[in-house]
PDB file of N, CA and C in Angstrom:
ATOM      1  N   MET A   1      47.990 -28.158 -21.469  1.00  0.00           N
ATOM      2  CA  MET A   1      47.771 -26.916 -22.183  1.00  0.00           C
ATOM      3  C   MET A   1      47.103 -26.332 -21.624  1.00  0.00           C
ATOM      4  N   ALA A   2      46.586 -25.557 -20.535  1.00  0.00           N
ATOM      5  CA  ALA A   2      45.526 -24.980 -20.056  1.00  0.00           C
ATOM      6  C   ALA A   2      46.087 -23.837 -20.039  1.00  0.00           C
ATOM      7  N   VAL A   3      45.241 -22.368 -20.120  1.00  0.00           N
ATOM      8  CA  VAL A   3      45.272 -21.060 -20.638  1.00  0.00           C
ATOM      9  C   VAL A   3      45.231 -20.868 -19.359  1.00  0.00           C
ATOM     10  N   GLU A   4      45.903 -19.833 -18.654  1.00  0.00           N
ATOM     11  CA  GLU A   4      45.550 -19.086 -17.424  1.00  0.00           C
ATOM     12  C   GLU A   4      45.114 -17.868 -17.786  1.00  0.00           C
ATOM     13  N   THR A   5      43.814 -17.629 -17.102  1.00  0.00           N
ATOM     14  CA  THR A   5      43.695 -16.090 -16.970  1.00  0.00           C
ATOM     15  C   THR A   5      43.463 -15.148 -15.910  1.00  0.00           C
ATOM     16  N   LYS A   6      44.560 -14.525 -15.963  1.00  0.00           N
ATOM     17  CA  LYS A   6      44.466 -13.568 -14.792  1.00  0.00           C
ATOM     18  C   LYS A   6      42.790 -12.474 -14.710  1.00  0.00           C
ATOM     19  N   THR A   7      42.476 -12.944 -13.676  1.00  0.00           N
ATOM     20  CA  THR A   7      41.606 -11.301 -13.631  1.00  0.00           C
ATOM     21  C   THR A   7      41.917 -10.925 -11.829  1.00  0.00           C
ATOM     22  N   LYS A   8      42.338  -9.589 -12.041  1.00  0.00           N
ATOM     23  CA  LYS A   8      42.575  -8.829 -10.775  1.00  0.00           C
ATOM     24  C   LYS A   8      41.607  -7.191 -11.004  1.00  0.00           C
ATOM     25  N   LYS A   9      41.013  -7.336  -9.962  1.00  0.00           N
ATOM     26  CA  LYS A   9      40.173  -6.331  -9.799  1.00  0.00           C
ATOM     27  C   LYS A   9      40.830  -4.923  -9.372  1.00  0.00           C
ATOM     28  N   GLU A  10      40.526  -4.237 -10.168  1.00  0.00           N
ATOM     29  CA  GLU A  10      41.397  -2.758 -10.232  1.00  0.00           C
ATOM     30  C   GLU A  10      40.655  -1.855  -9.404  1.00  0.00           C
ATOM     31  N   LYS A  11      41.016  -1.171  -8.553  1.00  0.00           N
ATOM     32  CA  LYS A  11      40.335  -0.163  -7.714  1.00  0.00           C
ATOM     33  C   LYS A  11      40.349   0.745  -8.249  1.00  0.00           C
ATOM     34  N   THR A  12      39.364   1.763  -8.347  1.00  0.00           N
ATOM     35  CA  THR A  12      39.392   2.763  -9.043  1.00  0.00           C
ATOM     36  C   THR A  12      39.154   3.964  -7.870  1.00  0.00           C
ATOM     37  N   SER A  13      40.343   4.536  -7.867  1.00  0.00           N
ATOM     38  CA  SER A  13      40.846   5.745  -6.702  1.00  0.00           C
ATOM     39  C   SER A  13      40.007   6.754  -7.296  1.00  0.00           C
ATOM     40  N   THR A  14      38.832   7.423  -7.007  1.00  0.00           N
ATOM     41  CA  THR A  14      38.537   8.578  -7.227  1.00  0.00           C
ATOM     42  C   THR A  14      38.302   9.037  -5.840  1.00  0.00           C
ATOM     43  N   SER A  15      39.765   9.491  -5.639  1.00  0.00           N
ATOM     44  CA  SER A  15      39.559  10.165  -4.697  1.00  0.00           C
ATOM     45  C   SER A  15      38.896  11.394  -4.142  1.00  0.00           C
ATOM     46  N   ALA A  16      37.408  11.536  -3.941  1.00  0.00           N
ATOM     47  CA  ALA A  16      36.827  12.513  -3.572  1.00  0.00           C
ATOM     48  C   ALA A  16      37.289  13.524  -2.260  1.00  0.00           C
ATOM     49  N   PRO A  17      37.699  14.651  -1.724  1.00  0.00           N
ATOM     50  CA  PRO A  17      37.756  15.019  -0.857  1.00  0.00           C
ATOM     51  C   PRO A  17      36.815  14.580   0.102  1.00  0.00           C
ATOM     52  N   LYS A  18      37.075  14.275   1.480  1.00  0.00           N
ATOM     53  CA  LYS A  18      36.305  13.837   2.829  1.00  0.00           C
ATOM     54  C   LYS A  18      36.890  14.109   4.331  1.00  0.00           C
ATOM     55  N   LEU A  19      35.737  14.906   4.693  1.00  0.00           N
ATOM     56  CA  LEU A  19      35.807  15.652   5.726  1.00  0.00           C
ATOM     57  C   LEU A  19      35.626  14.494   6.985  1.00  0.00           C
ATOM     58  N   ARG A  20      36.889  13.801   7.838  1.00  0.00           N
ATOM     59  CA  ARG A  20      36.599  12.645   9.029  1.00  0.00           C
ATOM     60  C   ARG A  20      36.400  13.579  10.095  1.00  0.00           C
ATOM     61  N   ILE A  21      35.310  13.350  10.937  1.00  0.00           N
ATOM     62  CA  ILE A  21      35.075  14.029  12.074  1.00  0.00           C
ATOM     63  C   ILE A  21      35.077  13.023  13.352  1.00  0.00           C
ATOM     64  N   ARG A  22      35.933  13.094  14.365  1.00  0.00           N
ATOM     65  CA  ARG A  22      35.714  12.183  15.384  1.00  0.00           C
ATOM     66  C   ARG A  22      35.558  12.861  16.960  1.00  0.00           C
ATOM     67  N   VAL A  23      34.498  12.411  17.130  1.00  0.00           N
ATOM     68  CA  VAL A  23      33.866  13.255  18.596  1.00  0.00           C
ATOM     69  C   VAL A  23      34.233  12.002  19.493  1.00  0.00           C
ATOM     70  N   ARG A  24      34.907  12.546  20.719  1.00  0.00           N
ATOM     71  CA  ARG A  24      34.749  12.142  21.723  1.00  0.00           C
ATOM     72  C   ARG A  24      34.296  12.614  23.251  1.00  0.00           C
ATOM     73  N   ALA A  25      33.803  11.835  24.410  1.00  0.00           N
ATOM     74  CA  ALA A  25      33.164  12.384  25.469  1.00  0.00           C
ATOM     75  C   ALA A  25      32.942  11.644  26.762  1.00  0.00           C
ATOM     76  N   TYR A  26      33.356  11.878  27.872  1.00  0.00           N
ATOM     77  CA  TYR A  26      32.851  10.717  28.851  1.00  0.00           C
ATOM     78  C   TYR A  26      31.699  10.384  29.402  1.00  0.00           C
ATOM     79  N   ASP A  27      30.563  11.716  28.746  1.00  0.00           N
ATOM     80  CA  ASP A  27      29.099  11.334  28.813  1.00  0.00           C
ATOM     81  C   ASP A  27      28.331  10.814  27.556  1.00  0.00           C
ATOM     82  N   HIS A  28      27.539  10.078  27.459  1.00  0.00           N
ATOM     83  CA  HIS A  28      27.192   9.697  25.967  1.00  0.00           C
ATOM     84  C   HIS A  28      26.014  10.611  25.798  1.00  0.00           C
ATOM     85  N   LYS A  29      25.381  11.158  26.700  1.00  0.00           N
ATOM     86  CA  LYS A  29      24.119  11.878  26.375  1.00  0.00           C
ATOM     87  C   LYS A  29      24.472  13.386  25.594  1.00  0.00           C
ATOM     88  N   ILE A  30      25.627  13.325  26.230  1.00  0.00           N
ATOM     89  CA  ILE A  30      26.098  15.198  25.524  1.00  0.00           C
ATOM     90  C   ILE A  30      27.030  14.713  24.385  1.00  0.00           C
ATOM     91  N   LEU A  31      27.542  13.589  24.091  1.00  0.00           N
ATOM     92  CA  LEU A  31      28.017  13.184  22.822  1.00  0.00           C
ATOM     93  C   LEU A  31      27.053  12.912  21.734  1.00  0.00           C
ATOM     94  N   ASP A  32      25.956  12.500  22.106  1.00  0.00           N
ATOM     95  CA  ASP A  32      24.947  12.149  21.073  1.00  0.00           C
ATOM     96  C   ASP A  32      24.274  13.457  20.405  1.00  0.00           C
ATOM     97  N   ALA A  33      24.026  14.619  21.817  1.00  0.00           N
ATOM     98  CA  ALA A  33      23.212  15.676  21.216  1.00  0.00           C
ATOM     99  C   ALA A  33      24.357  16.918  20.391  1.00  0.00           C
ATOM    100  N   SER A  34      25.568  16.422  20.540  1.00  0.00           N
ATOM    101  CA  SER A  34      26.983  17.163  20.050  1.00  0.00           C
ATOM    102  C   SER A  34      26.460  16.671  18.467  1.00  0.00           C
ATOM    103  N   VAL A  35      26.896  15.386  18.396  1.00  0.00           N
ATOM    104  CA  VAL A  35      26.800  14.740  16.944  1.00  0.00           C
ATOM    105  C   VAL A  35      25.529  15.153  16.141  1.00  0.00           C
ATOM    106  N   LYS A  36      24.474  15.044  16.626  1.00  0.00           N
ATOM    107  CA  LYS A  36      22.875  15.411  16.218  1.00  0.00           C
ATOM    108  C   LYS A  36      23.335  16.968  15.526  1.00  0.00           C
ATOM    109  N   GLN A  37      23.778  17.664  16.427  1.00  0.00           N
ATOM    110  CA  GLN A  37      24.086  19.313  15.959  1.00  0.00           C
ATOM    111  C   GLN A  37      25.104  19.303  15.170  1.00  0.00           C
ATOM    112  N   ILE A  38      26.081  18.439  14.964  1.00  0.00           N
ATOM    113  CA  ILE A  38      26.934  18.666  13.885  1.00  0.00           C
ATOM    114  C   ILE A  38      26.409  17.917  13.011  1.00  0.00           C
ATOM    115  N   ILE A  39      25.672  16.890  12.590  1.00  0.00           N
ATOM    116  CA  ILE A  39      25.167  16.344  11.527  1.00  0.00           C
ATOM    117  C   ILE A  39      23.772  17.450  11.114  1.00  0.00           C
ATOM    118  N   ASP A  40      23.373  17.905  11.948  1.00  0.00           N
ATOM    119  CA  ASP A  40      22.293  19.037  11.027  1.00  0.00           C
ATOM    120  C   ASP A  40      22.824  20.225  10.442  1.00  0.00           C
ATOM    121  N   THR A  41      23.982  20.716  11.122  1.00  0.00           N
ATOM    122  CA  THR A  41      24.940  21.556  10.416  1.00  0.00           C
ATOM    123  C   THR A  41      25.379  21.055   9.103  1.00  0.00           C
ATOM    124  N   ALA A  42      25.541  19.975   9.205  1.00  0.00           N
ATOM    125  CA  ALA A  42      26.079  19.120   7.729  1.00  0.00           C
ATOM    126  C   ALA A  42      25.130  19.301   6.643  1.00  0.00           C
ATOM    127  N   LEU A  43      23.918  18.673   7.400  1.00  0.00           N
ATOM    128  CA  LEU A  43      22.448  18.773   6.471  1.00  0.00           C
ATOM    129  C   LEU A  43      21.889  20.083   5.796  1.00  0.00           C
ATOM    130  N   ARG A  44      22.002  20.936   6.626  1.00  0.00           N
ATOM    131  CA  ARG A  44      21.793  22.246   6.164  1.00  0.00           C
ATOM    132  C   ARG A  44      22.527  22.699   5.137  1.00  0.00           C
ATOM    133  N   PHE A  45      23.514  22.560   4.807  1.00  0.00           N
ATOM    134  CA  PHE A  45      24.273  22.828   3.873  1.00  0.00           C
ATOM    135  C   PHE A  45      24.206  22.000   2.538  1.00  0.00           C
ATOM    136  N   ASP A  46      23.413  20.968   2.605  1.00  0.00           N
ATOM    137  CA  ASP A  46      23.233  19.581   1.821  1.00  0.00           C
ATOM    138  C   ASP A  46      24.802  18.590   1.564  1.00  0.00           C
ATOM    139  N   ALA A  47      25.162  18.399   2.178  1.00  0.00           N
ATOM    140  CA  ALA A  47      26.203  17.512   2.255  1.00  0.00           C
ATOM    141  C   ALA A  47      26.076  15.890   2.555  1.00  0.00           C
ATOM    142  N   GLU A  48      26.824  14.872   1.884  1.00  0.00           N
ATOM    143  CA  GLU A  48      26.544  13.781   2.302  1.00  0.00           C
ATOM    144  C   GLU A  48      27.005  13.161   3.087  1.00  0.00           C
ATOM    145  N   ILE A  49      26.459  12.669   4.121  1.00  0.00           N
ATOM    146  CA  ILE A  49      26.840  12.232   5.546  1.00  0.00           C
ATOM    147  C   ILE A  49      27.081  10.694   6.070  1.00  0.00           C
ATOM    148  N   LEU A  50      28.132   9.968   6.097  1.00  0.00           N
ATOM    149  CA  LEU A  50      28.328   8.627   6.622  1.00  0.00           C
ATOM    150  C   LEU A  50      28.517   8.650   8.138  1.00  0.00           C
ATOM    151  N   GLY A  51      27.304   7.781   8.820  1.00  0.00           N
ATOM    152  CA  GLY A  51      27.741   8.056  10.219  1.00  0.00           C
ATOM    153  C   GLY A  51      26.506   8.623  11.001  1.00  0.00           C
ATOM    154  N   PRO A  52      26.536   8.574  12.409  1.00  0.00           N
ATOM    155  CA  PRO A  52      27.455   8.549  13.148  1.00  0.00           C
ATOM    156  C   PRO A  52      27.959   7.074  13.159  1.00  0.00           C
ATOM    157  N   ILE A  53      29.253   6.439  13.787  1.00  0.00           N
ATOM    158  CA  ILE A  53      29.586   5.569  13.632  1.00  0.00           C
ATOM    159  C   ILE A  53      29.956   5.410  15.018  1.00  0.00           C
ATOM    160  N   PRO A  54      29.603   4.215  16.007  1.00  0.00           N
ATOM    161  CA  PRO A  54      29.777   4.351  16.889  1.00  0.00           C
ATOM    162  C   PRO A  54      30.928   3.481  17.283  1.00  0.00           C
ATOM    163  N   LEU A  55      32.329   3.914  17.541  1.00  0.00           N
ATOM    164  CA  LEU A  55      33.544   3.125  18.026  1.00  0.00           C
ATOM    165  C   LEU A  55      33.568   2.533  19.430  1.00  0.00           C
ATOM    166  N   PRO A  56      34.313   1.804  19.654  1.00  0.00           N
ATOM    167  CA  PRO A  56      34.296   0.595  20.911  1.00  0.00           C
ATOM    168  C   PRO A  56      34.619   2.038  22.190  1.00  0.00           C
ATOM    169  N   THR A  57      33.745   1.616  23.081  1.00  0.00           N
ATOM    170  CA  THR A  57      34.208   2.416  23.887  1.00  0.00           C
ATOM    171  C   THR A  57      35.802   2.001  24.993  1.00  0.00           C
ATOM    172  N   GLU A  58      36.204   3.374  25.241  1.00  0.00           N
ATOM    173  CA  GLU A  58      37.473   3.239  25.689  1.00  0.00           C
ATOM    174  C   GLU A  58      37.565   3.419  27.365  1.00  0.00           C
ATOM    175  N   ILE A  59      37.597   1.989  28.206  1.00  0.00           N
ATOM    176  CA  ILE A  59      37.868   1.918  29.343  1.00  0.00           C
ATOM    177  C   ILE A  59      38.933   2.031  30.092  1.00  0.00           C
ATOM    178  N   ARG A  60      39.324   3.128  31.178  1.00  0.00           N
ATOM    179  CA  ARG A  60      40.282   3.089  31.791  1.00  0.00           C
ATOM    180  C   ARG A  60      40.235   2.642  33.258  1.00  0.00           C
ATOM    181  N   LYS A  61      40.454   1.544  33.897  1.00  0.00           N
ATOM    182  CA  LYS A  61      40.492   1.105  35.060  1.00  0.00           C
ATOM    183  C   LYS A  61      41.497   1.741  36.142  1.00  0.00           C
ATOM    184  N   TYR A  62      41.201   1.976  37.284  1.00  0.00           N
ATOM    185  CA  TYR A  62      42.191   2.185  38.168  1.00  0.00           C
ATOM    186  C   TYR A  62      41.736   1.400  39.567  1.00  0.00           C
ATOM    187  N   THR A  63      42.772   1.078  40.135  1.00  0.00           N
ATOM    188  CA  THR A  63      43.013   0.186  41.196  1.00  0.00           C
ATOM    189  C   THR A  63      43.787   1.031  42.364  1.00  0.00           C
ATOM    190  N   VAL A  64      43.004   1.176  43.810  1.00  0.00           N
ATOM    191  CA  VAL A  64      43.925   1.813  44.645  1.00  0.00           C
ATOM    192  C   VAL A  64      43.338   1.149  46.062  1.00  0.00           C
ATOM    193  N   ASN A  65      44.255   1.247  46.904  1.00  0.00           N
ATOM    194  CA  ASN A  65      44.224   0.803  47.777  1.00  0.00           C
ATOM    195  C   ASN A  65      43.662   1.632  49.325  1.00  0.00           C
ATOM    196  N   ARG A  66      42.350   1.007  50.057  1.00  0.00           N
ATOM    197  CA  ARG A  66      41.306   1.747  50.553  1.00  0.00           C
ATOM    198  C   ARG A  66      42.013   2.382  51.964  1.00  0.00           C
ATOM    199  N   ALA A  67      42.643   1.612  52.461  1.00  0.00           N
ATOM    200  CA  ALA A  67      43.599   1.861  53.506  1.00  0.00           C
ATOM    201  C   ALA A  67      45.040   2.084  53.533  1.00  0.00           C
ATOM    202  N   SER A  68      45.750   3.468  54.106  1.00  0.00           N
ATOM    203  CA  SER A  68      46.815   3.478  53.977  1.00  0.00           C
ATOM    204  C   SER A  68      48.040   2.489  54.442  1.00  0.00           C
ATOM    205  N   PHE A  69      47.530   1.908  55.576  1.00  0.00           N
ATOM    206  CA  PHE A  69      48.868   1.232  56.329  1.00  0.00           C
ATOM    207  C   PHE A  69      48.397  -0.467  56.280  1.00  0.00           C
ATOM    208  N   VAL A  70      47.083  -0.541  56.893  1.00  0.00           N
ATOM    209  CA  VAL A  70      46.716  -2.015  57.542  1.00  0.00           C
ATOM    210  C   VAL A  70      46.145  -2.825  56.627  1.00  0.00           C
ATOM    211  N   PHE A  71      44.796  -2.387  56.018  1.00  0.00           N
ATOM    212  CA  PHE A  71      44.258  -3.894  55.093  1.00  0.00           C
ATOM    213  C   PHE A  71      44.959  -3.389  54.011  1.00  0.00           C
ATOM    214  N   LYS A  72      45.706  -4.337  53.778  1.00  0.00           N
ATOM    215  CA  LYS A  72      46.603  -4.322  52.255  1.00  0.00           C
ATOM    216  C   LYS A  72      45.500  -5.027  51.412  1.00  0.00           C
ATOM    217  N   ASN A  73      44.591  -5.984  51.605  1.00  0.00           N
ATOM    218  CA  ASN A  73      43.819  -6.526  50.748  1.00  0.00           C
ATOM    219  C   ASN A  73      42.513  -5.667  50.066  1.00  0.00           C
ATOM    220  N   ALA A  74      41.889  -5.003  50.963  1.00  0.00           N
ATOM    221  CA  ALA A  74      40.859  -3.406  50.571  1.00  0.00           C
ATOM    222  C   ALA A  74      41.444  -2.875  49.577  1.00  0.00           C
ATOM    223  N   ARG A  75      40.518  -3.180  48.433  1.00  0.00           N
ATOM    224  CA  ARG A  75      40.686  -2.008  47.473  1.00  0.00           C
ATOM    225  C   ARG A  75      39.962  -1.617  46.849  1.00  0.00           C
ATOM    226  N   GLU A  76      39.704  -0.585  46.356  1.00  0.00           N
ATOM    227  CA  GLU A  76      38.956   0.016  45.375  1.00  0.00           C
ATOM    228  C   GLU A  76      39.122   0.022  43.709  1.00  0.00           C
ATOM    229  N   GLN A  77      37.958  -0.201  43.141  1.00  0.00           N
ATOM    230  CA  GLN A  77      38.529   0.437  41.514  1.00  0.00           C
ATOM    231  C   GLN A  77      37.415   1.230  40.947  1.00  0.00           C
ATOM    232  N   PHE A  78      38.107   2.041  40.173  1.00  0.00           N
ATOM    233  CA  PHE A  78      37.715   3.356  39.399  1.00  0.00           C
ATOM    234  C   PHE A  78      37.610   3.158  37.954  1.00  0.00           C
ATOM    235  N   GLU A  79      36.783   3.210  37.082  1.00  0.00           N
ATOM    236  CA  GLU A  79      37.016   3.471  35.893  1.00  0.00           C
ATOM    237  C   GLU A  79      36.517   4.864  35.286  1.00  0.00           C
ATOM    238  N   MET A  80      36.987   5.256  33.945  1.00  0.00           N
ATOM    239  CA  MET A  80      36.724   5.983  33.461  1.00  0.00           C
ATOM    240  C   MET A  80      36.248   5.653  31.922  1.00  0.00           C
ATOM    241  N   ARG A  81      35.174   6.251  31.043  1.00  0.00           N
ATOM    242  CA  ARG A  81      34.624   5.375  29.816  1.00  0.00           C
ATOM    243  C   ARG A  81      34.713   6.681  29.023  1.00  0.00           C
ATOM    244  N   THR A  82      35.370   6.293  28.000  1.00  0.00           N
ATOM    245  CA  THR A  82      35.266   7.649  26.876  1.00  0.00           C
ATOM    246  C   THR A  82      34.655   6.847  25.586  1.00  0.00           C
ATOM    247  N   HIS A  83      33.168   7.256  25.302  1.00  0.00           N
ATOM    248  CA  HIS A  83      32.660   7.167  24.456  1.00  0.00           C
ATOM    249  C   HIS A  83      33.017   7.973  22.966  1.00  0.00           C
ATOM    250  N   LYS A  84      33.108   7.399  21.838  1.00  0.00           N
ATOM    251  CA  LYS A  84      33.754   7.560  20.660  1.00  0.00           C
ATOM    252  C   LYS A  84      32.488   7.603  19.365  1.00  0.00           C
ATOM    253  N   ARG A  85      31.855   8.749  18.504  1.00  0.00           N
ATOM    254  CA  ARG A  85      31.932   8.273  17.091  1.00  0.00           C
ATOM    255  C   ARG A  85      32.279   8.853  16.279  1.00  0.00           C
ATOM    256  N   LEU A  86      32.172   8.298  14.996  1.00  0.00           N
ATOM    257  CA  LEU A  86      33.010   8.727  13.610  1.00  0.00           C
ATOM    258  C   LEU A  86      31.990   9.569  12.602  1.00  0.00           C
ATOM    259  N   ILE A  87      32.123  10.565  12.065  1.00  0.00           N
ATOM    260  CA  ILE A  87      31.135  10.986  11.072  1.00  0.00           C
ATOM    261  C   ILE A  87      32.034  11.050   9.847  1.00  0.00           C
ATOM    262  N   ASP A  88      31.808  10.918   8.661  1.00  0.00           N
ATOM    263  CA  ASP A  88      32.104  11.087   7.939  1.00  0.00           C
ATOM    264  C   ASP A  88      31.553  12.295   6.431  1.00  0.00           C
ATOM    265  N   ILE A  89      32.353  13.079   6.029  1.00  0.00           N
ATOM    266  CA  ILE A  89      31.214  13.759   5.227  1.00  0.00           C
ATOM    267  C   ILE A  89      32.471  14.189   3.769  1.00  0.00           C
ATOM    268  N   THR A  90      31.559  13.524   2.811  1.00  0.00           N
ATOM    269  CA  THR A  90      32.361  13.369   1.537  1.00  0.00           C
ATOM    270  C   THR A  90      31.436  14.682   0.922  1.00  0.00           C
ATOM    271  N   ASN A  91      32.917  15.310  -0.125  1.00  0.00           N
ATOM    272  CA  ASN A  91      32.357  16.345  -0.982  1.00  0.00           C
ATOM    273  C   ASN A  91      32.306  17.690   0.154  1.00  0.00           C
ATOM    274  N   PRO A  92      33.174  18.150   1.058  1.00  0.00           N
ATOM    275  CA  PRO A  92      32.422  19.560   2.005  1.00  0.00           C
ATOM    276  C   PRO A  92      33.026  20.406   1.050  1.00  0.00           C
ATOM    277  N   ASN A  93      32.002  21.356   1.141  1.00  0.00           N
ATOM    278  CA  ASN A  93      32.538  22.949   0.500  1.00  0.00           C
ATOM    279  C   ASN A  93      32.923  23.567   1.778  1.00  0.00           C
ATOM    280  N   PRO A  94      33.629  25.054   1.289  1.00  0.00           N
ATOM    281  CA  PRO A  94      33.988  25.694   2.338  1.00  0.00           C
ATOM    282  C   PRO A  94      32.781  26.050   2.999  1.00  0.00           C
ATOM    283  N   LYS A  95      31.412  26.358   2.831  1.00  0.00           N
ATOM    284  CA  LYS A  95      30.406  26.750   3.821  1.00  0.00           C
ATOM    285  C   LYS A  95      30.305  25.969   4.688  1.00  0.00           C
ATOM    286  N   ILE A  96      30.373  24.721   4.590  1.00  0.00           N
ATOM    287  CA  ILE A  96      30.074  23.069   5.782  1.00  0.00           C
ATOM    288  C   ILE A  96      31.364  23.693   6.626  1.00  0.00           C
ATOM    289  N   ILE A  97      32.551  23.521   6.405  1.00  0.00           N
ATOM    290  CA  ILE A  97      33.868  23.875   6.857  1.00  0.00           C
ATOM    291  C   ILE A  97      33.736  24.831   8.006  1.00  0.00           C
ATOM    292  N   GLU A  98      33.345  26.071   7.223  1.00  0.00           N
ATOM    293  CA  GLU A  98      33.185  27.587   8.131  1.00  0.00           C
ATOM    294  C   GLU A  98      32.045  27.076   9.474  1.00  0.00           C
ATOM    295  N   ALA A  99      30.948  26.784   9.211  1.00  0.00           N
ATOM    296  CA  ALA A  99      29.741  26.557   9.897  1.00  0.00           C
ATOM    297  C   ALA A  99      30.340  25.449  10.898  1.00  0.00           C
ATOM    298  N   LEU A 100      30.860  24.408  10.418  1.00  0.00           N
ATOM    299  CA  LEU A 100      31.303  23.540  11.348  1.00  0.00           C
ATOM    300  C   LEU A 100      32.449  24.384  12.824  1.00  0.00           C
ATOM    301  N   SER A 101      33.482  24.677  12.149  1.00  0.00           N
ATOM    302  CA  SER A 101      34.349  25.774  12.932  1.00  0.00           C
ATOM    303  C   SER A 101      33.618  26.841  13.902  1.00  0.00           C
ATOM    304  N   ASN A 102      32.885  27.280  13.314  1.00  0.00           N
ATOM    305  CA  ASN A 102      32.090  28.296  14.288  1.00  0.00           C
ATOM    306  C   ASN A 102      31.034  27.944  15.392  1.00  0.00           C
ATOM    307  N   MET A 103      30.658  26.691  15.077  1.00  0.00           N
ATOM    308  CA  MET A 103      29.740  25.800  15.932  1.00  0.00           C
ATOM    309  C   MET A 103      30.224  26.032  17.883  1.00  0.00           C
ATOM    310  N   SER A 104      29.258  26.072  18.276  1.00  0.00           N
ATOM    311  CA  SER A 104      29.718  26.056  20.029  1.00  0.00           C
ATOM    312  C   SER A 104      29.181  24.911  20.424  1.00  0.00           C
ATOM    313  N   LEU A 105      30.067  23.849  21.199  1.00  0.00           N
ATOM    314  CA  LEU A 105      29.596  22.707  21.525  1.00  0.00           C
ATOM    315  C   LEU A 105      29.885  22.874  23.137  1.00  0.00           C
ATOM    316  N   PRO A 106      29.257  21.895  23.918  1.00  0.00           N
ATOM    317  CA  PRO A 106      29.078  21.684  25.312  1.00  0.00           C
ATOM    318  C   PRO A 106      30.699  21.564  25.467  1.00  0.00           C
ATOM    319  N   SER A 107      31.006  21.523  26.783  1.00  0.00           N
ATOM    320  CA  SER A 107      32.184  21.683  27.605  1.00  0.00           C
ATOM    321  C   SER A 107      32.499  19.801  27.626  1.00  0.00           C
ATOM    322  N   GLY A 108      33.620  19.405  27.702  1.00  0.00           N
ATOM    323  CA  GLY A 108      33.702  17.896  27.720  1.00  0.00           C
ATOM    324  C   GLY A 108      33.678  17.234  26.346  1.00  0.00           C
ATOM    325  N   VAL A 109      33.288  17.797  25.250  1.00  0.00           N
ATOM    326  CA  VAL A 109      33.130  17.186  23.798  1.00  0.00           C
ATOM    327  C   VAL A 109      34.520  17.362  23.178  1.00  0.00           C
ATOM    328  N   ASN A 110      35.382  16.090  23.031  1.00  0.00           N
ATOM    329  CA  ASN A 110      36.915  16.765  22.319  1.00  0.00           C
ATOM    330  C   ASN A 110      36.360  16.203  20.590  1.00  0.00           C
ATOM    331  N   ILE A 111      36.701  17.381  19.977  1.00  0.00           N
ATOM    332  CA  ILE A 111      36.673  16.987  18.575  1.00  0.00           C
ATOM    333  C   ILE A 111      37.870  16.743  17.546  1.00  0.00           C
ATOM    334  N   ASP A 112      38.169  16.069  16.807  1.00  0.00           N
ATOM    335  CA  ASP A 112      39.244  15.610  15.922  1.00  0.00           C
ATOM    336  C   ASP A 112      38.659  15.995  14.373  1.00  0.00           C
ATOM    337  N   VAL A 113      39.403  16.867  13.668  1.00  0.00           N
ATOM    338  CA  VAL A 113      38.658  16.882  12.093  1.00  0.00           C
ATOM    339  C   VAL A 113      40.081  16.824  11.638  1.00  0.00           C
ATOM    340  N   LYS A 114      40.021  15.650  10.477  1.00  0.00           N
ATOM    341  CA  LYS A 114      41.007  15.429   9.445  1.00  0.00           C
ATOM    342  C   LYS A 114      39.991  15.680   8.043  1.00  0.00           C
ATOM    343  N   MET A 115      41.292  16.302   7.226  1.00  0.00           N
ATOM    344  CA  MET A 115      40.731  16.121   5.595  1.00  0.00           C
ATOM    345  C   MET A 115      41.291  14.972   4.816  1.00  0.00           C
ATOM    346  N   MET A 116      40.909  14.188   4.199  1.00  0.00           N
ATOM    347  CA  MET A 116      41.693  13.041   3.758  1.00  0.00           C
ATOM    348  C   MET A 116      41.109  13.481   2.387  1.00  0.00           C
TER     349      MET A 116
END
């Protein structure tokens, strides 16, 4: 005659708007400078920031033959590394979004912005 008690953790879904910025570049120094510039801009408007969170580096390797005809076993390997960072801005106001869209970043930096 045991009495079963069910305890479920209910998640409170307070869905505050969040701006998720994903920054990618081949050079990690340029990437870190760009992320610092984004964070400084967001902090100027009193935003809550989570990050920068370093994501795993994507490595693409390419193997090619050194010689075109005779030496089949002589090969070279090249690789491209893509460094990534993630920044979350909670409760963004229109001033922050406008300042981030007008910001000029160095070439070679790719930015994906999602509103969640």
